Amino acid sequence: MAEFDGKVALVTGGFSGIGGATARVLSARGATVVAAGIPPKGAYEELPPGVERVDVDVTDESATARLVTQVVAAHGGLDILVAAAGIQRYGIAAETSSDEWNEVLAVNVTGAFHAVKHALPHLRARGAGSIVIVSSVQAFVTQAAVAAYTTSKGALNALARSIAIDEAKNGVRANAVCPASVDTPMLRASARAFSDGSDRGTQELVESWGRMHPLGRVARPDEVAEAIAFLAGDRASFITGISLPVDGGLLANAAVVLPG
């Protein structure tokens, strides 16, 4: 049997990037997967034929509740929730508008909360379930000018810990994954904005960011998806409440460089 045969998984932010890669990995290993998110401005990223795609804005609690009800009604239950919806905005605290702050917190934190809140009764009903929240290394360390974003990621790690403690008695595990730079549409958009805007300039900046990681490159989305799949599955049955860096050694690397 495949690892996730008979399991039902909901992936928010599941149309592209880390969420899309996770939907593909879980589906390939036997899960029934529903990918949910905001319709892209361009074409949808390719997902396997077996992955169901549902348009939803996770900042809308009623819509998120309907999504979970729809998944359970169609597939008989829910075993795995991956909360991967997220946005990035730049700005220091003194210059971030309230609208920008609220937008980032609404998607990254409140959106995850909505999904968790409405998934939990169904995960409990299984007697065992797994929640994986996509956070960031910026929950631990912070680059310049990301006040709202880094705050949101710190909150997600705390949310995962809280769920882990509160739901252990119900057999539900909760963990966070904390990637460093990952080659996603969101990273590419940032690289385009901070370069000359050309394809070459964007690629050069992505490669430059990669060289800041000890492994010398940015991650692929599927590499993060592998960590998510591990935490979601039975191989991690005694792991709950952790925030797992998937960072190419970034957090292990001291900023001080010796001469010579």
C-alpha atoms as a PDB file:
ATOM      1  CA  MET A   1       0.000   0.000   0.000  1.00  0.00           C
ATOM      2  CA  ALA A   2       1.059   3.571  -0.618  1.00  0.00           C
ATOM      3  CA  GLU A   3       1.833   5.601   2.503  1.00  0.00           C
ATOM      4  CA  PHE A   4      -1.359   7.667   2.391  1.00  0.00           C
ATOM      5  CA  ASP A   5      -3.842   5.161   0.959  1.00  0.00           C
ATOM      6  CA  GLY A   6      -7.273   5.817   2.430  1.00  0.00           C
ATOM      7  CA  LYS A   7      -6.264   9.245   3.771  1.00  0.00           C
ATOM      8  CA  VAL A   8      -8.030  12.489   2.888  1.00  0.00           C
ATOM      9  CA  ALA A   9      -5.907  15.646   2.800  1.00  0.00           C
ATOM     10  CA  LEU A  10      -6.820  19.312   2.443  1.00  0.00           C
ATOM     11  CA  VAL A  11      -4.057  21.677   1.331  1.00  0.00           C
ATOM     12  CA  THR A  12      -4.748  25.403   1.516  1.00  0.00           C
ATOM     13  CA  GLY A  13      -2.537  27.508  -0.697  1.00  0.00           C
ATOM     14  CA  GLY A  14      -2.425  24.341  -2.757  1.00  0.00           C
ATOM     15  CA  PHE A  15      -2.390  25.731  -6.274  1.00  0.00           C
ATOM     16  CA  SER A  16       1.319  26.512  -6.558  1.00  0.00           C
ATOM     17  CA  GLY A  17       4.639  26.722  -4.760  1.00  0.00           C
ATOM     18  CA  ILE A  18       5.062  24.660  -1.587  1.00  0.00           C
ATOM     19  CA  GLY A  19       1.340  23.940  -1.327  1.00  0.00           C
ATOM     20  CA  GLY A  20       1.154  22.727  -4.916  1.00  0.00           C
ATOM     21  CA  ALA A  21       4.204  20.508  -4.450  1.00  0.00           C
ATOM     22  CA  THR A  22       2.664  19.076  -1.280  1.00  0.00           C
ATOM     23  CA  ALA A  23      -0.588  18.299  -3.073  1.00  0.00           C
ATOM     24  CA  ARG A  24       1.385  16.421  -5.712  1.00  0.00           C
ATOM     25  CA  VAL A  25       3.452  14.433  -3.203  1.00  0.00           C
ATOM     26  CA  LEU A  26       0.465  13.412  -1.068  1.00  0.00           C
ATOM     27  CA  SER A  27      -1.554  12.440  -4.133  1.00  0.00           C
ATOM     28  CA  ALA A  28       1.312  10.399  -5.586  1.00  0.00           C
ATOM     29  CA  ARG A  29       1.485   8.459  -2.307  1.00  0.00           C
ATOM     30  CA  GLY A  30      -2.168   7.520  -2.271  1.00  0.00           C
ATOM     31  CA  ALA A  31      -4.021  10.339  -0.518  1.00  0.00           C
ATOM     32  CA  THR A  32      -7.252  11.852  -1.757  1.00  0.00           C
ATOM     33  CA  VAL A  33      -6.197  15.496  -2.011  1.00  0.00           C
ATOM     34  CA  VAL A  34      -8.208  18.698  -2.226  1.00  0.00           C
ATOM     35  CA  ALA A  35      -6.125  21.765  -3.094  1.00  0.00           C
ATOM     36  CA  ALA A  36      -7.718  25.081  -2.176  1.00  0.00           C
ATOM     37  CA  GLY A  37      -6.737  28.669  -2.794  1.00  0.00           C
ATOM     38  CA  ILE A  38      -7.203  31.939  -4.631  1.00  0.00           C
ATOM     39  CA  PRO A  39      -7.506  31.557  -8.422  1.00  0.00           C
ATOM     40  CA  PRO A  40      -4.214  32.651 -10.014  1.00  0.00           C
ATOM     41  CA  LYS A  41      -4.086  35.682 -12.320  1.00  0.00           C
ATOM     42  CA  GLY A  42      -2.466  33.504 -14.972  1.00  0.00           C
ATOM     43  CA  ALA A  43      -2.806  29.810 -15.682  1.00  0.00           C
ATOM     44  CA  TYR A  44      -3.191  27.264 -12.905  1.00  0.00           C
ATOM     45  CA  GLU A  45      -0.037  25.347 -12.057  1.00  0.00           C
ATOM     46  CA  GLU A  46      -0.259  21.790 -13.267  1.00  0.00           C
ATOM     47  CA  LEU A  47      -1.577  19.389 -10.638  1.00  0.00           C
ATOM     48  CA  PRO A  48      -2.200  15.662 -11.022  1.00  0.00           C
ATOM     49  CA  PRO A  49      -5.619  14.738 -12.427  1.00  0.00           C
ATOM     50  CA  GLY A  50      -6.620  13.172  -9.117  1.00  0.00           C
ATOM     51  CA  VAL A  51      -6.160  16.382  -7.138  1.00  0.00           C
ATOM     52  CA  GLU A  52      -9.420  18.270  -6.706  1.00  0.00           C
ATOM     53  CA  ARG A  53      -9.087  22.053  -6.999  1.00  0.00           C
ATOM     54  CA  VAL A  54     -11.426  24.390  -5.072  1.00  0.00           C
ATOM     55  CA  ASP A  55     -11.297  28.190  -5.162  1.00  0.00           C
ATOM     56  CA  VAL A  56     -11.463  29.683  -1.670  1.00  0.00           C
ATOM     57  CA  ASP A  57     -10.222  32.731   0.214  1.00  0.00           C
ATOM     58  CA  VAL A  58      -9.027  31.488   3.610  1.00  0.00           C
ATOM     59  CA  THR A  59      -9.486  34.940   5.132  1.00  0.00           C
ATOM     60  CA  ASP A  60     -13.232  34.334   4.753  1.00  0.00           C
ATOM     61  CA  GLU A  61     -14.186  32.084   7.661  1.00  0.00           C
ATOM     62  CA  SER A  62     -17.590  31.142   6.264  1.00  0.00           C
ATOM     63  CA  ALA A  63     -16.063  30.140   2.940  1.00  0.00           C
ATOM     64  CA  THR A  64     -13.372  28.109   4.702  1.00  0.00           C
ATOM     65  CA  ALA A  65     -15.967  26.361   6.853  1.00  0.00           C
ATOM     66  CA  ARG A  66     -17.970  25.482   3.723  1.00  0.00           C
ATOM     67  CA  LEU A  67     -14.804  24.149   2.101  1.00  0.00           C
ATOM     68  CA  VAL A  68     -14.106  21.769   4.983  1.00  0.00           C
ATOM     69  CA  THR A  69     -17.743  20.624   5.064  1.00  0.00           C
ATOM     70  CA  GLN A  70     -17.598  20.029   1.315  1.00  0.00           C
ATOM     71  CA  VAL A  71     -14.417  17.956   1.590  1.00  0.00           C
ATOM     72  CA  VAL A  72     -15.807  15.795   4.390  1.00  0.00           C
ATOM     73  CA  ALA A  73     -19.144  15.296   2.647  1.00  0.00           C
ATOM     74  CA  ALA A  74     -17.485  14.295  -0.616  1.00  0.00           C
ATOM     75  CA  HIS A  75     -14.768  12.041   0.795  1.00  0.00           C
ATOM     76  CA  GLY A  76     -16.111  10.754   4.107  1.00  0.00           C
ATOM     77  CA  GLY A  77     -13.752  12.496   6.495  1.00  0.00           C
ATOM     78  CA  LEU A  78     -10.495  14.380   6.860  1.00  0.00           C
ATOM     79  CA  ASP A  79      -7.108  13.065   8.028  1.00  0.00           C
ATOM     80  CA  ILE A  80      -4.568  15.727   7.074  1.00  0.00           C
ATOM     81  CA  LEU A  81      -4.628  19.519   6.926  1.00  0.00           C
ATOM     82  CA  VAL A  82      -1.723  21.404   5.371  1.00  0.00           C
ATOM     83  CA  ALA A  83      -2.050  25.171   5.860  1.00  0.00           C
ATOM     84  CA  ALA A  84       0.228  26.622   3.198  1.00  0.00           C
ATOM     85  CA  ALA A  85      -1.578  29.794   2.117  1.00  0.00           C
ATOM     86  CA  GLY A  86       0.641  32.827   2.523  1.00  0.00           C
ATOM     87  CA  ILE A  87       1.702  36.187   1.134  1.00  0.00           C
ATOM     88  CA  GLN A  88       4.816  38.352   1.444  1.00  0.00           C
ATOM     89  CA  ARG A  89       4.876  42.123   1.851  1.00  0.00           C
ATOM     90  CA  TYR A  90       7.924  44.288   2.530  1.00  0.00           C
ATOM     91  CA  GLY A  91       8.303  47.228   4.884  1.00  0.00           C
ATOM     92  CA  ILE A  92       9.690  48.300   8.232  1.00  0.00           C
ATOM     93  CA  ALA A  93       7.314  48.803  11.154  1.00  0.00           C
ATOM     94  CA  ALA A  94       7.448  52.599  10.910  1.00  0.00           C
ATOM     95  CA  GLU A  95       6.376  52.535   7.254  1.00  0.00           C
ATOM     96  CA  THR A  96       4.016  49.556   7.043  1.00  0.00           C
ATOM     97  CA  SER A  97       0.433  50.709   6.640  1.00  0.00           C
ATOM     98  CA  SER A  98      -2.319  49.240   8.760  1.00  0.00           C
ATOM     99  CA  ASP A  99      -3.884  47.858   5.595  1.00  0.00           C
ATOM    100  CA  GLU A 100      -0.679  46.030   4.645  1.00  0.00           C
ATOM    101  CA  TRP A 101      -0.230  44.733   8.195  1.00  0.00           C
ATOM    102  CA  ASN A 102      -3.805  43.484   8.376  1.00  0.00           C
ATOM    103  CA  GLU A 103      -3.574  41.882   4.933  1.00  0.00           C
ATOM    104  CA  VAL A 104      -0.502  39.829   5.835  1.00  0.00           C
ATOM    105  CA  LEU A 105      -1.844  38.742   9.221  1.00  0.00           C
ATOM    106  CA  ALA A 106      -5.264  37.951   7.714  1.00  0.00           C
ATOM    107  CA  VAL A 107      -3.871  35.575   5.097  1.00  0.00           C
ATOM    108  CA  ASN A 108      -0.899  34.073   6.890  1.00  0.00           C
ATOM    109  CA  VAL A 109      -2.243  33.722  10.436  1.00  0.00           C
ATOM    110  CA  THR A 110      -6.020  34.129  10.461  1.00  0.00           C
ATOM    111  CA  GLY A 111      -6.324  32.049   7.288  1.00  0.00           C
ATOM    112  CA  ALA A 112      -4.452  29.186   8.934  1.00  0.00           C
ATOM    113  CA  PHE A 113      -6.575  29.579  12.063  1.00  0.00           C
ATOM    114  CA  HIS A 114      -9.795  29.372  10.039  1.00  0.00           C
ATOM    115  CA  ALA A 115      -8.675  26.158   8.354  1.00  0.00           C
ATOM    116  CA  VAL A 116      -7.520  24.612  11.628  1.00  0.00           C
ATOM    117  CA  LYS A 117     -10.653  25.613  13.543  1.00  0.00           C
ATOM    118  CA  HIS A 118     -13.024  24.002  11.068  1.00  0.00           C
ATOM    119  CA  ALA A 119     -10.856  20.967  10.314  1.00  0.00           C
ATOM    120  CA  LEU A 120     -10.307  19.969  13.941  1.00  0.00           C
ATOM    121  CA  PRO A 121     -13.719  18.386  14.653  1.00  0.00           C
ATOM    122  CA  HIS A 122     -13.229  16.093  11.667  1.00  0.00           C
ATOM    123  CA  LEU A 123      -9.619  15.247  12.528  1.00  0.00           C
ATOM    124  CA  ARG A 124     -10.730  14.405  16.080  1.00  0.00           C
ATOM    125  CA  ALA A 125     -13.449  12.168  14.667  1.00  0.00           C
ATOM    126  CA  ARG A 126     -10.777  10.045  13.026  1.00  0.00           C
ATOM    127  CA  GLY A 127      -9.131   9.492  16.409  1.00  0.00           C
ATOM    128  CA  ALA A 128      -5.884  10.585  14.807  1.00  0.00           C
ATOM    129  CA  GLY A 129      -5.046  13.391  12.458  1.00  0.00           C
ATOM    130  CA  SER A 130      -2.198  15.636  11.401  1.00  0.00           C
ATOM    131  CA  ILE A 131      -1.917  19.378  10.872  1.00  0.00           C
ATOM    132  CA  VAL A 132       1.149  20.860   9.192  1.00  0.00           C
ATOM    133  CA  ILE A 133       1.467  24.640   9.015  1.00  0.00           C
ATOM    134  CA  VAL A 134       3.888  26.217   6.550  1.00  0.00           C
ATOM    135  CA  SER A 135       5.854  28.831   8.447  1.00  0.00           C
ATOM    136  CA  SER A 136       9.352  30.179   7.657  1.00  0.00           C
ATOM    137  CA  VAL A 137      12.867  30.505   9.041  1.00  0.00           C
ATOM    138  CA  GLN A 138      11.781  34.092   9.588  1.00  0.00           C
ATOM    139  CA  ALA A 139       9.922  32.835  12.629  1.00  0.00           C
ATOM    140  CA  PHE A 140      13.419  32.525  14.152  1.00  0.00           C
ATOM    141  CA  VAL A 141      15.568  35.116  12.349  1.00  0.00           C
ATOM    142  CA  THR A 142      14.563  38.220  10.474  1.00  0.00           C
ATOM    143  CA  GLN A 143      15.855  39.972   7.384  1.00  0.00           C
ATOM    144  CA  ALA A 144      15.426  43.701   6.984  1.00  0.00           C
ATOM    145  CA  ALA A 145      12.078  45.280   6.115  1.00  0.00           C
ATOM    146  CA  VAL A 146       9.669  42.383   6.673  1.00  0.00           C
ATOM    147  CA  ALA A 147       7.908  43.514   9.854  1.00  0.00           C
ATOM    148  CA  ALA A 148       4.489  42.084   9.050  1.00  0.00           C
ATOM    149  CA  TYR A 149       5.732  38.908   7.394  1.00  0.00           C
ATOM    150  CA  THR A 150       8.167  37.860  10.131  1.00  0.00           C
ATOM    151  CA  THR A 151       5.543  38.606  12.787  1.00  0.00           C
ATOM    152  CA  SER A 152       3.072  36.363  11.003  1.00  0.00           C
ATOM    153  CA  LYS A 153       5.532  33.494  10.810  1.00  0.00           C
ATOM    154  CA  GLY A 154       6.407  33.693  14.494  1.00  0.00           C
ATOM    155  CA  ALA A 155       2.693  33.530  15.236  1.00  0.00           C
ATOM    156  CA  LEU A 156       2.284  30.411  13.100  1.00  0.00           C
ATOM    157  CA  ASN A 157       4.921  28.534  15.073  1.00  0.00           C
ATOM    158  CA  ALA A 158       3.132  29.488  18.280  1.00  0.00           C
ATOM    159  CA  LEU A 159      -0.191  28.389  16.793  1.00  0.00           C
ATOM    160  CA  ALA A 160       1.238  24.974  15.895  1.00  0.00           C
ATOM    161  CA  ARG A 161       2.557  24.512  19.442  1.00  0.00           C
ATOM    162  CA  SER A 162      -0.786  25.509  20.935  1.00  0.00           C
ATOM    163  CA  ILE A 163      -2.711  23.064  18.778  1.00  0.00           C
ATOM    164  CA  ALA A 164      -0.227  20.293  19.570  1.00  0.00           C
ATOM    165  CA  ILE A 165      -0.729  20.716  23.310  1.00  0.00           C
ATOM    166  CA  ASP A 166      -4.492  21.158  23.208  1.00  0.00           C
ATOM    167  CA  GLU A 167      -5.193  18.322  20.771  1.00  0.00           C
ATOM    168  CA  ALA A 168      -2.759  15.644  21.936  1.00  0.00           C
ATOM    169  CA  LYS A 169      -5.505  14.048  24.015  1.00  0.00           C
ATOM    170  CA  ASN A 170      -7.583  13.752  20.843  1.00  0.00           C
ATOM    171  CA  GLY A 171      -4.819  12.050  18.860  1.00  0.00           C
ATOM    172  CA  VAL A 172      -4.284  15.070  16.615  1.00  0.00           C
ATOM    173  CA  ARG A 173      -0.712  16.156  15.953  1.00  0.00           C
ATOM    174  CA  ALA A 174       0.343  19.639  14.820  1.00  0.00           C
ATOM    175  CA  ASN A 175       3.707  20.809  13.528  1.00  0.00           C
ATOM    176  CA  ALA A 176       5.196  23.659  11.524  1.00  0.00           C
ATOM    177  CA  VAL A 177       7.764  23.538   8.745  1.00  0.00           C
ATOM    178  CA  CYS A 178      10.064  26.531   8.400  1.00  0.00           C
ATOM    179  CA  PRO A 179      11.643  26.825   4.955  1.00  0.00           C
ATOM    180  CA  ALA A 180      14.349  29.263   3.995  1.00  0.00           C
ATOM    181  CA  SER A 181      14.397  30.523   0.390  1.00  0.00           C
ATOM    182  CA  VAL A 182      12.356  28.279  -1.908  1.00  0.00           C
ATOM    183  CA  ASP A 183      12.052  28.659  -5.674  1.00  0.00           C
ATOM    184  CA  THR A 184       8.342  29.497  -5.748  1.00  0.00           C
ATOM    185  CA  PRO A 185       6.312  32.075  -7.679  1.00  0.00           C
ATOM    186  CA  MET A 186       6.351  34.245  -4.523  1.00  0.00           C
ATOM    187  CA  LEU A 187      10.163  34.181  -4.341  1.00  0.00           C
ATOM    188  CA  ARG A 188      10.429  34.874  -8.071  1.00  0.00           C
ATOM    189  CA  ALA A 189       8.074  37.857  -7.721  1.00  0.00           C
ATOM    190  CA  SER A 190      10.270  39.266  -4.951  1.00  0.00           C
ATOM    191  CA  ALA A 191      13.409  38.704  -7.007  1.00  0.00           C
ATOM    192  CA  ARG A 192      11.854  40.452  -9.986  1.00  0.00           C
ATOM    193  CA  ALA A 193      10.849  43.413  -7.826  1.00  0.00           C
ATOM    194  CA  PHE A 194      14.336  43.794  -6.329  1.00  0.00           C
ATOM    195  CA  SER A 195      16.276  43.249  -9.580  1.00  0.00           C
ATOM    196  CA  ASP A 196      16.094  45.030 -12.928  1.00  0.00           C
ATOM    197  CA  GLY A 197      12.884  43.111 -13.663  1.00  0.00           C
ATOM    198  CA  SER A 198      14.334  41.030 -16.493  1.00  0.00           C
ATOM    199  CA  ASP A 199      14.339  37.235 -16.545  1.00  0.00           C
ATOM    200  CA  ARG A 200      18.137  37.253 -16.357  1.00  0.00           C
ATOM    201  CA  GLY A 201      18.223  39.744 -13.485  1.00  0.00           C
ATOM    202  CA  THR A 202      15.591  37.758 -11.603  1.00  0.00           C
ATOM    203  CA  GLN A 203      17.518  34.508 -12.044  1.00  0.00           C
ATOM    204  CA  GLU A 204      20.795  36.089 -10.967  1.00  0.00           C
ATOM    205  CA  LEU A 205      19.218  37.433  -7.784  1.00  0.00           C
ATOM    206  CA  VAL A 206      17.621  34.055  -6.966  1.00  0.00           C
ATOM    207  CA  GLU A 207      21.042  32.436  -7.405  1.00  0.00           C
ATOM    208  CA  SER A 208      22.621  35.137  -5.223  1.00  0.00           C
ATOM    209  CA  TRP A 209      20.098  34.431  -2.465  1.00  0.00           C
ATOM    210  CA  GLY A 210      20.866  30.740  -2.827  1.00  0.00           C
ATOM    211  CA  ARG A 211      24.579  31.316  -2.225  1.00  0.00           C
ATOM    212  CA  MET A 212      23.695  32.746   1.208  1.00  0.00           C
ATOM    213  CA  HIS A 213      22.616  29.236   2.269  1.00  0.00           C
ATOM    214  CA  PRO A 214      25.387  26.807   3.272  1.00  0.00           C
ATOM    215  CA  LEU A 215      24.146  24.317   0.675  1.00  0.00           C
ATOM    216  CA  GLY A 216      24.650  27.032  -1.925  1.00  0.00           C
ATOM    217  CA  ARG A 217      21.212  27.220  -3.492  1.00  0.00           C
ATOM    218  CA  VAL A 218      17.546  27.856  -2.812  1.00  0.00           C
ATOM    219  CA  ALA A 219      15.272  24.895  -2.148  1.00  0.00           C
ATOM    220  CA  ARG A 220      12.909  23.276  -4.602  1.00  0.00           C
ATOM    221  CA  PRO A 221       9.244  23.198  -3.513  1.00  0.00           C
ATOM    222  CA  ASP A 222       9.244  19.406  -3.589  1.00  0.00           C
ATOM    223  CA  GLU A 223      12.058  19.317  -1.016  1.00  0.00           C
ATOM    224  CA  VAL A 224       9.856  21.186   1.450  1.00  0.00           C
ATOM    225  CA  ALA A 225       6.886  19.027   0.462  1.00  0.00           C
ATOM    226  CA  GLU A 226       8.870  15.937   1.478  1.00  0.00           C
ATOM    227  CA  ALA A 227       9.259  17.330   5.000  1.00  0.00           C
ATOM    228  CA  ILE A 228       5.557  18.158   5.130  1.00  0.00           C
ATOM    229  CA  ALA A 229       4.608  14.670   3.954  1.00  0.00           C
ATOM    230  CA  PHE A 230       6.839  13.125   6.617  1.00  0.00           C
ATOM    231  CA  LEU A 231       5.209  15.148   9.403  1.00  0.00           C
ATOM    232  CA  ALA A 232       1.741  14.437   8.006  1.00  0.00           C
ATOM    233  CA  GLY A 233       2.219  10.687   7.952  1.00  0.00           C
ATOM    234  CA  ASP A 234       2.516   7.799  10.366  1.00  0.00           C
ATOM    235  CA  ARG A 235       6.326   7.826  10.254  1.00  0.00           C
ATOM    236  CA  ALA A 236       6.073  10.948  12.439  1.00  0.00           C
ATOM    237  CA  SER A 237       3.489   9.459  14.792  1.00  0.00           C
ATOM    238  CA  PHE A 238       5.372  10.584  17.935  1.00  0.00           C
ATOM    239  CA  ILE A 239       6.261  14.062  16.654  1.00  0.00           C
ATOM    240  CA  THR A 240       4.073  16.991  17.593  1.00  0.00           C
ATOM    241  CA  GLY A 241       4.602  20.642  18.482  1.00  0.00           C
ATOM    242  CA  ILE A 242       7.851  21.104  16.569  1.00  0.00           C
ATOM    243  CA  SER A 243       8.938  23.815  14.147  1.00  0.00           C
ATOM    244  CA  LEU A 244      11.158  22.042  11.626  1.00  0.00           C
ATOM    245  CA  PRO A 245      13.653  24.148   9.651  1.00  0.00           C
ATOM    246  CA  VAL A 246      14.052  23.130   6.013  1.00  0.00           C
ATOM    247  CA  ASP A 247      16.705  25.697   5.325  1.00  0.00           C
ATOM    248  CA  GLY A 248      19.853  24.385   3.670  1.00  0.00           C
ATOM    249  CA  GLY A 249      21.785  25.070   6.856  1.00  0.00           C
ATOM    250  CA  LEU A 250      20.859  28.751   7.039  1.00  0.00           C
ATOM    251  CA  LEU A 251      20.006  28.825  10.759  1.00  0.00           C
ATOM    252  CA  ALA A 252      23.146  26.874  11.650  1.00  0.00           C
ATOM    253  CA  ASN A 253      25.426  29.385   9.950  1.00  0.00           C
ATOM    254  CA  ALA A 254      26.968  32.156  12.100  1.00  0.00           C
ATOM    255  CA  ALA A 255      27.062  35.536  10.365  1.00  0.00           C
ATOM    256  CA  VAL A 256      30.610  36.231  11.558  1.00  0.00           C
ATOM    257  CA  VAL A 257      33.173  35.158   8.933  1.00  0.00           C
ATOM    258  CA  LEU A 258      36.796  34.587   9.880  1.00  0.00           C
ATOM    259  CA  PRO A 259      39.449  36.345   7.772  1.00  0.00           C
ATOM    260  CA  GLY A 260      41.578  34.451   5.322  1.00  0.00           C
END
